[in-house]
Amino acid sequence: MFDDEIIIALSKPVTIGKGEASISYHELKLREPTAGELEKATRADTSIGAAITLISLITAIPRTAVERISKRDLVAANNFLEGFTEPGQTAVEAGQS
């Protein structure tokens, strides 16, 4: 059994925008994806693109910011999301069935 939600502290904060209009993100608040979020994520051309889209949808962080997170943080987020799928099936593949 695992938690339904997790907060992943980013190894390096991600900032988008400039000056006073800039926004920094320090963590990813993840939860179980909805069927609609999985469906939208499966439209991406690559599995990494699908993971970025899914993380963006769940966290409500702009995709451009999620694109800048480190590989380590991407892997941690994806590992959590894969916990909601059948063994051997990625979160993105689960939305394709």
PDB file of N, CA and C in Angstrom:
ATOM      1  N   MET A   1       0.850  -1.178   0.000  1.00  0.00           N
ATOM      2  CA  MET A   1       0.000   0.000   0.000  1.00  0.00           C
ATOM      3  C   MET A   1       0.894   1.239   0.000  1.00  0.00           C
ATOM      4  N   PHE A   2       0.418   2.279  -0.616  1.00  0.00           N
ATOM      5  CA  PHE A   2       1.188   3.509  -0.698  1.00  0.00           C
ATOM      6  C   PHE A   2       0.268   4.699  -0.490  1.00  0.00           C
ATOM      7  N   ASP A   3       0.882   5.853  -0.283  1.00  0.00           N
ATOM      8  CA  ASP A   3       0.097   7.066  -0.088  1.00  0.00           C
ATOM      9  C   ASP A   3      -0.528   7.508  -1.403  1.00  0.00           C
ATOM     10  N   ASP A   4      -1.675   8.177  -1.309  1.00  0.00           N
ATOM     11  CA  ASP A   4      -2.352   8.689  -2.492  1.00  0.00           C
ATOM     12  C   ASP A   4      -1.769  10.013  -2.960  1.00  0.00           C
ATOM     13  N   GLU A   5      -0.998  10.657  -2.091  1.00  0.00           N
ATOM     14  CA  GLU A   5      -0.388  11.942  -2.433  1.00  0.00           C
ATOM     15  C   GLU A   5       1.040  11.971  -1.914  1.00  0.00           C
ATOM     16  N   ILE A   6       1.849  12.778  -2.592  1.00  0.00           N
ATOM     17  CA  ILE A   6       3.244  12.946  -2.187  1.00  0.00           C
ATOM     18  C   ILE A   6       3.700  14.338  -2.597  1.00  0.00           C
ATOM     19  N   ILE A   7       4.610  14.889  -1.823  1.00  0.00           N
ATOM     20  CA  ILE A   7       5.244  16.153  -2.194  1.00  0.00           C
ATOM     21  C   ILE A   7       6.718  15.858  -2.409  1.00  0.00           C
ATOM     22  N   ILE A   8       7.189  16.172  -3.594  1.00  0.00           N
ATOM     23  CA  ILE A   8       8.596  15.969  -3.937  1.00  0.00           C
ATOM     24  C   ILE A   8       9.272  17.330  -3.963  1.00  0.00           C
ATOM     25  N   ALA A   9      10.243  17.525  -3.077  1.00  0.00           N
ATOM     26  CA  ALA A   9      11.024  18.755  -3.086  1.00  0.00           C
ATOM     27  C   ALA A   9      11.978  18.709  -4.273  1.00  0.00           C
ATOM     28  N   LEU A  10      11.962  19.730  -5.114  1.00  0.00           N
ATOM     29  CA  LEU A  10      12.834  19.752  -6.283  1.00  0.00           C
ATOM     30  C   LEU A  10      14.285  19.912  -5.853  1.00  0.00           C
ATOM     31  N   SER A  11      15.174  19.206  -6.529  1.00  0.00           N
ATOM     32  CA  SER A  11      16.596  19.307  -6.201  1.00  0.00           C
ATOM     33  C   SER A  11      17.122  20.703  -6.500  1.00  0.00           C
ATOM     34  N   LYS A  12      16.542  21.355  -7.504  1.00  0.00           N
ATOM     35  CA  LYS A  12      16.848  22.747  -7.817  1.00  0.00           C
ATOM     36  C   LYS A  12      15.529  23.430  -8.163  1.00  0.00           C
ATOM     37  N   PRO A  13      15.237  24.574  -7.523  1.00  0.00           N
ATOM     38  CA  PRO A  13      13.997  25.276  -7.861  1.00  0.00           C
ATOM     39  C   PRO A  13      13.991  25.655  -9.348  1.00  0.00           C
ATOM     40  N   VAL A  14      12.805  25.713  -9.905  1.00  0.00           N
ATOM     41  CA  VAL A  14      12.629  26.094 -11.305  1.00  0.00           C
ATOM     42  C   VAL A  14      11.913  27.437 -11.329  1.00  0.00           C
ATOM     43  N   THR A  15      12.463  28.385 -12.090  1.00  0.00           N
ATOM     44  CA  THR A  15      11.874  29.714 -12.202  1.00  0.00           C
ATOM     45  C   THR A  15      11.517  29.980 -13.651  1.00  0.00           C
ATOM     46  N   ILE A  16      10.311  30.467 -13.864  1.00  0.00           N
ATOM     47  CA  ILE A  16       9.913  30.901 -15.202  1.00  0.00           C
ATOM     48  C   ILE A  16       9.514  32.367 -15.119  1.00  0.00           C
ATOM     49  N   GLY A  17       9.694  33.080 -16.201  1.00  0.00           N
ATOM     50  CA  GLY A  17       9.416  34.505 -16.226  1.00  0.00           C
ATOM     51  C   GLY A  17      10.618  35.290 -15.743  1.00  0.00           C
ATOM     52  N   LYS A  18      10.483  36.624 -15.806  1.00  0.00           N
ATOM     53  CA  LYS A  18      11.594  37.488 -15.406  1.00  0.00           C
ATOM     54  C   LYS A  18      11.111  38.590 -14.486  1.00  0.00           C
ATOM     55  N   GLY A  19      12.029  39.061 -13.668  1.00  0.00           N
ATOM     56  CA  GLY A  19      11.729  40.179 -12.785  1.00  0.00           C
ATOM     57  C   GLY A  19      10.620  39.878 -11.803  1.00  0.00           C
ATOM     58  N   GLU A  20       9.755  40.888 -11.586  1.00  0.00           N
ATOM     59  CA  GLU A  20       8.664  40.737 -10.629  1.00  0.00           C
ATOM     60  C   GLU A  20       7.611  39.748 -11.102  1.00  0.00           C
ATOM     61  N   ALA A  21       7.585  39.470 -12.401  1.00  0.00           N
ATOM     62  CA  ALA A  21       6.599  38.538 -12.952  1.00  0.00           C
ATOM     63  C   ALA A  21       7.072  37.083 -12.873  1.00  0.00           C
ATOM     64  N   SER A  22       8.284  36.859 -12.360  1.00  0.00           N
ATOM     65  CA  SER A  22       8.809  35.491 -12.311  1.00  0.00           C
ATOM     66  C   SER A  22       8.117  34.677 -11.215  1.00  0.00           C
ATOM     67  N   ILE A  23       8.010  33.400 -11.474  1.00  0.00           N
ATOM     68  CA  ILE A  23       7.422  32.464 -10.512  1.00  0.00           C
ATOM     69  C   ILE A  23       8.409  31.321 -10.325  1.00  0.00           C
ATOM     70  N   SER A  24       8.677  30.985  -9.068  1.00  0.00           N
ATOM     71  CA  SER A  24       9.581  29.876  -8.761  1.00  0.00           C
ATOM     72  C   SER A  24       8.783  28.714  -8.181  1.00  0.00           C
ATOM     73  N   TYR A  25       9.169  27.526  -8.580  1.00  0.00           N
ATOM     74  CA  TYR A  25       8.551  26.304  -8.075  1.00  0.00           C
ATOM     75  C   TYR A  25       9.608  25.518  -7.323  1.00  0.00           C
ATOM     76  N   HIS A  26       9.271  25.088  -6.110  1.00  0.00           N
ATOM     77  CA  HIS A  26      10.213  24.398  -5.235  1.00  0.00           C
ATOM     78  C   HIS A  26       9.825  22.947  -4.972  1.00  0.00           C
ATOM     79  N   GLU A  27       8.599  22.571  -5.363  1.00  0.00           N
ATOM     80  CA  GLU A  27       8.128  21.225  -5.089  1.00  0.00           C
ATOM     81  C   GLU A  27       7.061  20.808  -6.090  1.00  0.00           C
ATOM     82  N   LEU A  28       6.852  19.502  -6.142  1.00  0.00           N
ATOM     83  CA  LEU A  28       5.783  18.929  -6.951  1.00  0.00           C
ATOM     84  C   LEU A  28       4.801  18.258  -5.997  1.00  0.00           C
ATOM     85  N   LYS A  29       3.550  18.675  -6.013  1.00  0.00           N
ATOM     86  CA  LYS A  29       2.507  18.040  -5.201  1.00  0.00           C
ATOM     87  C   LYS A  29       1.759  17.086  -6.122  1.00  0.00           C
ATOM     88  N   LEU A  30       1.999  15.797  -5.931  1.00  0.00           N
ATOM     89  CA  LEU A  30       1.422  14.782  -6.810  1.00  0.00           C
ATOM     90  C   LEU A  30       0.327  13.999  -6.107  1.00  0.00           C
ATOM     91  N   ARG A  31      -0.603  13.511  -6.899  1.00  0.00           N
ATOM     92  CA  ARG A  31      -1.700  12.668  -6.433  1.00  0.00           C
ATOM     93  C   ARG A  31      -2.010  11.678  -7.546  1.00  0.00           C
ATOM     94  N   GLU A  32      -2.948  10.792  -7.275  1.00  0.00           N
ATOM     95  CA  GLU A  32      -3.343   9.829  -8.295  1.00  0.00           C
ATOM     96  C   GLU A  32      -3.935  10.568  -9.494  1.00  0.00           C
ATOM     97  N   PRO A  33      -3.476  10.241 -10.709  1.00  0.00           N
ATOM     98  CA  PRO A  33      -4.018  10.914 -11.896  1.00  0.00           C
ATOM     99  C   PRO A  33      -5.450  10.468 -12.176  1.00  0.00           C
ATOM    100  N   THR A  34      -6.207  11.367 -12.779  1.00  0.00           N
ATOM    101  CA  THR A  34      -7.558  11.023 -13.207  1.00  0.00           C
ATOM    102  C   THR A  34      -7.486  10.375 -14.592  1.00  0.00           C
ATOM    103  N   ALA A  35      -8.568   9.748 -14.988  1.00  0.00           N
ATOM    104  CA  ALA A  35      -8.622   9.132 -16.314  1.00  0.00           C
ATOM    105  C   ALA A  35      -8.431  10.186 -17.398  1.00  0.00           C
ATOM    106  N   GLY A  36      -9.018  11.345 -17.214  1.00  0.00           N
ATOM    107  CA  GLY A  36      -8.869  12.423 -18.197  1.00  0.00           C
ATOM    108  C   GLY A  36      -7.443  12.908 -18.313  1.00  0.00           C
ATOM    109  N   GLU A  37      -6.752  13.013 -17.183  1.00  0.00           N
ATOM    110  CA  GLU A  37      -5.348  13.439 -17.215  1.00  0.00           C
ATOM    111  C   GLU A  37      -4.495  12.408 -17.936  1.00  0.00           C
ATOM    112  N   LEU A  38      -4.751  11.127 -17.667  1.00  0.00           N
ATOM    113  CA  LEU A  38      -4.006  10.079 -18.366  1.00  0.00           C
ATOM    114  C   LEU A  38      -4.261  10.140 -19.865  1.00  0.00           C
ATOM    115  N   GLU A  39      -5.501  10.369 -20.241  1.00  0.00           N
ATOM    116  CA  GLU A  39      -5.851  10.433 -21.662  1.00  0.00           C
ATOM    117  C   GLU A  39      -5.133  11.592 -22.344  1.00  0.00           C
ATOM    118  N   LYS A  40      -5.109  12.750 -21.704  1.00  0.00           N
ATOM    119  CA  LYS A  40      -4.416  13.910 -22.274  1.00  0.00           C
ATOM    120  C   LYS A  40      -2.919  13.652 -22.384  1.00  0.00           C
ATOM    121  N   ALA A  41      -2.345  12.993 -21.388  1.00  0.00           N
ATOM    122  CA  ALA A  41      -0.904  12.723 -21.399  1.00  0.00           C
ATOM    123  C   ALA A  41      -0.525  11.765 -22.520  1.00  0.00           C
ATOM    124  N   THR A  42      -1.405  10.846 -22.870  1.00  0.00           N
ATOM    125  CA  THR A  42      -1.076   9.868 -23.913  1.00  0.00           C
ATOM    126  C   THR A  42      -1.013  10.491 -25.296  1.00  0.00           C
ATOM    127  N   ARG A  43      -1.450  11.713 -25.433  1.00  0.00           N
ATOM    128  CA  ARG A  43      -1.374  12.400 -26.732  1.00  0.00           C
ATOM    129  C   ARG A  43       0.041  12.859 -27.067  1.00  0.00           C
ATOM    130  N   ALA A  44       0.941  12.853 -26.102  1.00  0.00           N
ATOM    131  CA  ALA A  44       2.327  13.278 -26.337  1.00  0.00           C
ATOM    132  C   ALA A  44       3.026  12.297 -27.267  1.00  0.00           C
ATOM    133  N   ASP A  45       4.037  12.799 -27.963  1.00  0.00           N
ATOM    134  CA  ASP A  45       4.756  11.981 -28.944  1.00  0.00           C
ATOM    135  C   ASP A  45       5.756  11.016 -28.320  1.00  0.00           C
ATOM    136  N   THR A  46       6.233  11.309 -27.101  1.00  0.00           N
ATOM    137  CA  THR A  46       7.229  10.454 -26.451  1.00  0.00           C
ATOM    138  C   THR A  46       6.783  10.134 -25.032  1.00  0.00           C
ATOM    139  N   SER A  47       7.381   9.112 -24.436  1.00  0.00           N
ATOM    140  CA  SER A  47       7.027   8.761 -23.059  1.00  0.00           C
ATOM    141  C   SER A  47       7.465   9.856 -22.086  1.00  0.00           C
ATOM    142  N   ILE A  48       8.579  10.505 -22.365  1.00  0.00           N
ATOM    143  CA  ILE A  48       9.014  11.604 -21.490  1.00  0.00           C
ATOM    144  C   ILE A  48       8.064  12.782 -21.636  1.00  0.00           C
ATOM    145  N   GLY A  49       7.643  13.056 -22.855  1.00  0.00           N
ATOM    146  CA  GLY A  49       6.669  14.124 -23.074  1.00  0.00           C
ATOM    147  C   GLY A  49       5.366  13.841 -22.358  1.00  0.00           C
ATOM    148  N   ALA A  50       4.948  12.583 -22.371  1.00  0.00           N
ATOM    149  CA  ALA A  50       3.723  12.190 -21.672  1.00  0.00           C
ATOM    150  C   ALA A  50       3.886  12.381 -20.167  1.00  0.00           C
ATOM    151  N   ALA A  51       5.049  12.022 -19.634  1.00  0.00           N
ATOM    152  CA  ALA A  51       5.304  12.190 -18.196  1.00  0.00           C
ATOM    153  C   ALA A  51       5.287  13.674 -17.828  1.00  0.00           C
ATOM    154  N   ILE A  52       5.914  14.511 -18.644  1.00  0.00           N
ATOM    155  CA  ILE A  52       5.932  15.956 -18.390  1.00  0.00           C
ATOM    156  C   ILE A  52       4.515  16.509 -18.404  1.00  0.00           C
ATOM    157  N   THR A  53       3.731  16.102 -19.395  1.00  0.00           N
ATOM    158  CA  THR A  53       2.349  16.567 -19.493  1.00  0.00           C
ATOM    159  C   THR A  53       1.544  16.124 -18.281  1.00  0.00           C
ATOM    160  N   LEU A  54       1.677  14.869 -17.884  1.00  0.00           N
ATOM    161  CA  LEU A  54       0.927  14.352 -16.753  1.00  0.00           C
ATOM    162  C   LEU A  54       1.294  15.084 -15.466  1.00  0.00           C
ATOM    163  N   ILE A  55       2.572  15.303 -15.243  1.00  0.00           N
ATOM    164  CA  ILE A  55       3.018  16.029 -14.048  1.00  0.00           C
ATOM    165  C   ILE A  55       2.456  17.445 -14.057  1.00  0.00           C
ATOM    166  N   SER A  56       2.496  18.091 -15.213  1.00  0.00           N
ATOM    167  CA  SER A  56       1.965  19.449 -15.336  1.00  0.00           C
ATOM    168  C   SER A  56       0.474  19.484 -15.023  1.00  0.00           C
ATOM    169  N   LEU A  57      -0.277  18.539 -15.553  1.00  0.00           N
ATOM    170  CA  LEU A  57      -1.721  18.494 -15.317  1.00  0.00           C
ATOM    171  C   LEU A  57      -2.045  18.276 -13.838  1.00  0.00           C
ATOM    172  N   ILE A  58      -1.342  17.377 -13.203  1.00  0.00           N
ATOM    173  CA  ILE A  58      -1.619  17.039 -11.804  1.00  0.00           C
ATOM    174  C   ILE A  58      -1.210  18.165 -10.859  1.00  0.00           C
ATOM    175  N   THR A  59      -0.046  18.757 -11.104  1.00  0.00           N
ATOM    176  CA  THR A  59       0.476  19.770 -10.188  1.00  0.00           C
ATOM    177  C   THR A  59      -0.030  21.175 -10.476  1.00  0.00           C
ATOM    178  N   ALA A  60      -0.642  21.376 -11.643  1.00  0.00           N
ATOM    179  CA  ALA A  60      -1.076  22.706 -12.096  1.00  0.00           C
ATOM    180  C   ALA A  60       0.108  23.656 -12.247  1.00  0.00           C
ATOM    181  N   ILE A  61       1.271  23.083 -12.541  1.00  0.00           N
ATOM    182  CA  ILE A  61       2.471  23.864 -12.845  1.00  0.00           C
ATOM    183  C   ILE A  61       2.588  23.918 -14.366  1.00  0.00           C
ATOM    184  N   PRO A  62       2.884  25.088 -14.933  1.00  0.00           N
ATOM    185  CA  PRO A  62       2.982  25.173 -16.386  1.00  0.00           C
ATOM    186  C   PRO A  62       3.973  24.141 -16.950  1.00  0.00           C
ATOM    187  N   ARG A  63       3.619  23.612 -18.120  1.00  0.00           N
ATOM    188  CA  ARG A  63       4.461  22.590 -18.758  1.00  0.00           C
ATOM    189  C   ARG A  63       5.884  23.107 -18.957  1.00  0.00           C
ATOM    190  N   THR A  64       6.036  24.393 -19.295  1.00  0.00           N
ATOM    191  CA  THR A  64       7.378  24.939 -19.509  1.00  0.00           C
ATOM    192  C   THR A  64       8.231  24.857 -18.249  1.00  0.00           C
ATOM    193  N   ALA A  65       7.606  24.956 -17.083  1.00  0.00           N
ATOM    194  CA  ALA A  65       8.353  24.824 -15.825  1.00  0.00           C
ATOM    195  C   ALA A  65       8.694  23.357 -15.570  1.00  0.00           C
ATOM    196  N   VAL A  66       7.744  22.463 -15.816  1.00  0.00           N
ATOM    197  CA  VAL A  66       8.004  21.037 -15.600  1.00  0.00           C
ATOM    198  C   VAL A  66       9.111  20.553 -16.533  1.00  0.00           C
ATOM    199  N   GLU A  67       9.180  21.110 -17.732  1.00  0.00           N
ATOM    200  CA  GLU A  67      10.242  20.746 -18.674  1.00  0.00           C
ATOM    201  C   GLU A  67      11.632  21.053 -18.126  1.00  0.00           C
ATOM    202  N   ARG A  68      11.718  21.935 -17.157  1.00  0.00           N
ATOM    203  CA  ARG A  68      13.012  22.344 -16.604  1.00  0.00           C
ATOM    204  C   ARG A  68      13.422  21.605 -15.336  1.00  0.00           C
ATOM    205  N   ILE A  69      12.569  20.712 -14.833  1.00  0.00           N
ATOM    206  CA  ILE A  69      12.976  19.988 -13.622  1.00  0.00           C
ATOM    207  C   ILE A  69      14.089  19.008 -13.973  1.00  0.00           C
ATOM    208  N   SER A  70      14.855  18.627 -12.978  1.00  0.00           N
ATOM    209  CA  SER A  70      15.980  17.721 -13.211  1.00  0.00           C
ATOM    210  C   SER A  70      15.488  16.310 -13.523  1.00  0.00           C
ATOM    211  N   LYS A  71      16.347  15.540 -14.137  1.00  0.00           N
ATOM    212  CA  LYS A  71      16.012  14.149 -14.450  1.00  0.00           C
ATOM    213  C   LYS A  71      15.689  13.394 -13.168  1.00  0.00           C
ATOM    214  N   ARG A  72      16.459  13.635 -12.138  1.00  0.00           N
ATOM    215  CA  ARG A  72      16.253  12.970 -10.842  1.00  0.00           C
ATOM    216  C   ARG A  72      14.838  13.238 -10.321  1.00  0.00           C
ATOM    217  N   ASP A  73      14.377  14.487 -10.424  1.00  0.00           N
ATOM    218  CA  ASP A  73      13.030  14.828  -9.960  1.00  0.00           C
ATOM    219  C   ASP A  73      11.968  14.230 -10.882  1.00  0.00           C
ATOM    220  N   LEU A  74      12.236  14.220 -12.177  1.00  0.00           N
ATOM    221  CA  LEU A  74      11.312  13.607 -13.131  1.00  0.00           C
ATOM    222  C   LEU A  74      11.144  12.120 -12.840  1.00  0.00           C
ATOM    223  N   VAL A  75      12.248  11.442 -12.578  1.00  0.00           N
ATOM    224  CA  VAL A  75      12.203  10.008 -12.273  1.00  0.00           C
ATOM    225  C   VAL A  75      11.428   9.761 -10.980  1.00  0.00           C
ATOM    226  N   ALA A  76      11.667  10.564  -9.957  1.00  0.00           N
ATOM    227  CA  ALA A  76      10.959  10.394  -8.682  1.00  0.00           C
ATOM    228  C   ALA A  76       9.455  10.585  -8.867  1.00  0.00           C
ATOM    229  N   ALA A  77       9.069  11.601  -9.619  1.00  0.00           N
ATOM    230  CA  ALA A  77       7.653  11.852  -9.866  1.00  0.00           C
ATOM    231  C   ALA A  77       7.038  10.713 -10.675  1.00  0.00           C
ATOM    232  N   ASN A  78       7.734  10.287 -11.706  1.00  0.00           N
ATOM    233  CA  ASN A  78       7.222   9.218 -12.559  1.00  0.00           C
ATOM    234  C   ASN A  78       7.109   7.900 -11.786  1.00  0.00           C
ATOM    235  N   ASN A  79       8.066   7.625 -10.912  1.00  0.00           N
ATOM    236  CA  ASN A  79       7.998   6.406 -10.088  1.00  0.00           C
ATOM    237  C   ASN A  79       6.758   6.414  -9.202  1.00  0.00           C
ATOM    238  N   PHE A  80       6.446   7.565  -8.616  1.00  0.00           N
ATOM    239  CA  PHE A  80       5.246   7.668  -7.796  1.00  0.00           C
ATOM    240  C   PHE A  80       4.001   7.432  -8.645  1.00  0.00           C
ATOM    241  N   LEU A  81       3.926   8.074  -9.795  1.00  0.00           N
ATOM    242  CA  LEU A  81       2.748   7.949 -10.654  1.00  0.00           C
ATOM    243  C   LEU A  81       2.582   6.533 -11.183  1.00  0.00           C
ATOM    244  N   GLU A  82       3.674   5.847 -11.432  1.00  0.00           N
ATOM    245  CA  GLU A  82       3.594   4.470 -11.917  1.00  0.00           C
ATOM    246  C   GLU A  82       3.030   3.530 -10.854  1.00  0.00           C
ATOM    247  N   GLY A  83       3.058   3.941  -9.597  1.00  0.00           N
ATOM    248  CA  GLY A  83       2.501   3.128  -8.521  1.00  0.00           C
ATOM    249  C   GLY A  83       0.992   2.948  -8.619  1.00  0.00           C
ATOM    250  N   PHE A  84       0.349   3.755  -9.447  1.00  0.00           N
ATOM    251  CA  PHE A  84      -1.098   3.653  -9.618  1.00  0.00           C
ATOM    252  C   PHE A  84      -1.490   2.773 -10.796  1.00  0.00           C
ATOM    253  N   THR A  85      -0.503   2.190 -11.472  1.00  0.00           N
ATOM    254  CA  THR A  85      -0.792   1.352 -12.634  1.00  0.00           C
ATOM    255  C   THR A  85      -0.491  -0.096 -12.314  1.00  0.00           C
ATOM    256  N   GLU A  86      -0.855  -0.964 -13.213  1.00  0.00           N
ATOM    257  CA  GLU A  86      -0.574  -2.381 -13.031  1.00  0.00           C
ATOM    258  C   GLU A  86       0.924  -2.627 -13.113  1.00  0.00           C
ATOM    259  N   PRO A  87       1.441  -3.653 -12.421  1.00  0.00           N
ATOM    260  CA  PRO A  87       2.872  -3.945 -12.484  1.00  0.00           C
ATOM    261  C   PRO A  87       3.344  -4.110 -13.929  1.00  0.00           C
ATOM    262  N   GLY A  88       4.477  -3.487 -14.232  1.00  0.00           N
ATOM    263  CA  GLY A  88       5.053  -3.598 -15.566  1.00  0.00           C
ATOM    264  C   GLY A  88       4.447  -2.637 -16.564  1.00  0.00           C
ATOM    265  N   GLN A  89       3.510  -1.792 -16.132  1.00  0.00           N
ATOM    266  CA  GLN A  89       2.846  -0.858 -17.028  1.00  0.00           C
ATOM    267  C   GLN A  89       3.113   0.551 -16.524  1.00  0.00           C
ATOM    268  N   THR A  90       3.552   1.446 -17.401  1.00  0.00           N
ATOM    269  CA  THR A  90       3.809   2.819 -16.985  1.00  0.00           C
ATOM    270  C   THR A  90       2.485   3.571 -16.868  1.00  0.00           C
ATOM    271  N   ALA A  91       2.507   4.688 -16.183  1.00  0.00           N
ATOM    272  CA  ALA A  91       1.306   5.499 -16.015  1.00  0.00           C
ATOM    273  C   ALA A  91       0.746   5.920 -17.372  1.00  0.00           C
ATOM    274  N   VAL A  92       1.634   6.223 -18.284  1.00  0.00           N
ATOM    275  CA  VAL A  92       1.200   6.646 -19.611  1.00  0.00           C
ATOM    276  C   VAL A  92       0.554   5.500 -20.357  1.00  0.00           C
ATOM    277  N   GLU A  93       1.130   4.312 -20.287  1.00  0.00           N
ATOM    278  CA  GLU A  93       0.562   3.151 -20.969  1.00  0.00           C
ATOM    279  C   GLU A  93      -0.816   2.800 -20.399  1.00  0.00           C
ATOM    280  N   ALA A  94      -1.000   3.041 -19.117  1.00  0.00           N
ATOM    281  CA  ALA A  94      -2.278   2.704 -18.479  1.00  0.00           C
ATOM    282  C   ALA A  94      -3.420   3.495 -19.115  1.00  0.00           C
ATOM    283  N   GLY A  95      -3.130   4.698 -19.551  1.00  0.00           N
ATOM    284  CA  GLY A  95      -4.155   5.515 -20.169  1.00  0.00           C
ATOM    285  C   GLY A  95      -4.482   5.094 -21.585  1.00  0.00           C
ATOM    286  N   GLN A  96      -3.689   4.216 -22.161  1.00  0.00           N
ATOM    287  CA  GLN A  96      -3.884   3.806 -23.547  1.00  0.00           C
ATOM    288  C   GLN A  96      -4.733   2.563 -23.667  1.00  0.00           C
ATOM    289  N   SER A  97      -5.061   1.931 -22.565  1.00  0.00           N
ATOM    290  CA  SER A  97      -5.805   0.674 -22.672  1.00  0.00           C
ATOM    291  C   SER A  97      -7.275   0.891 -22.904  1.00  0.00           C
TER     292      SER A  97
END
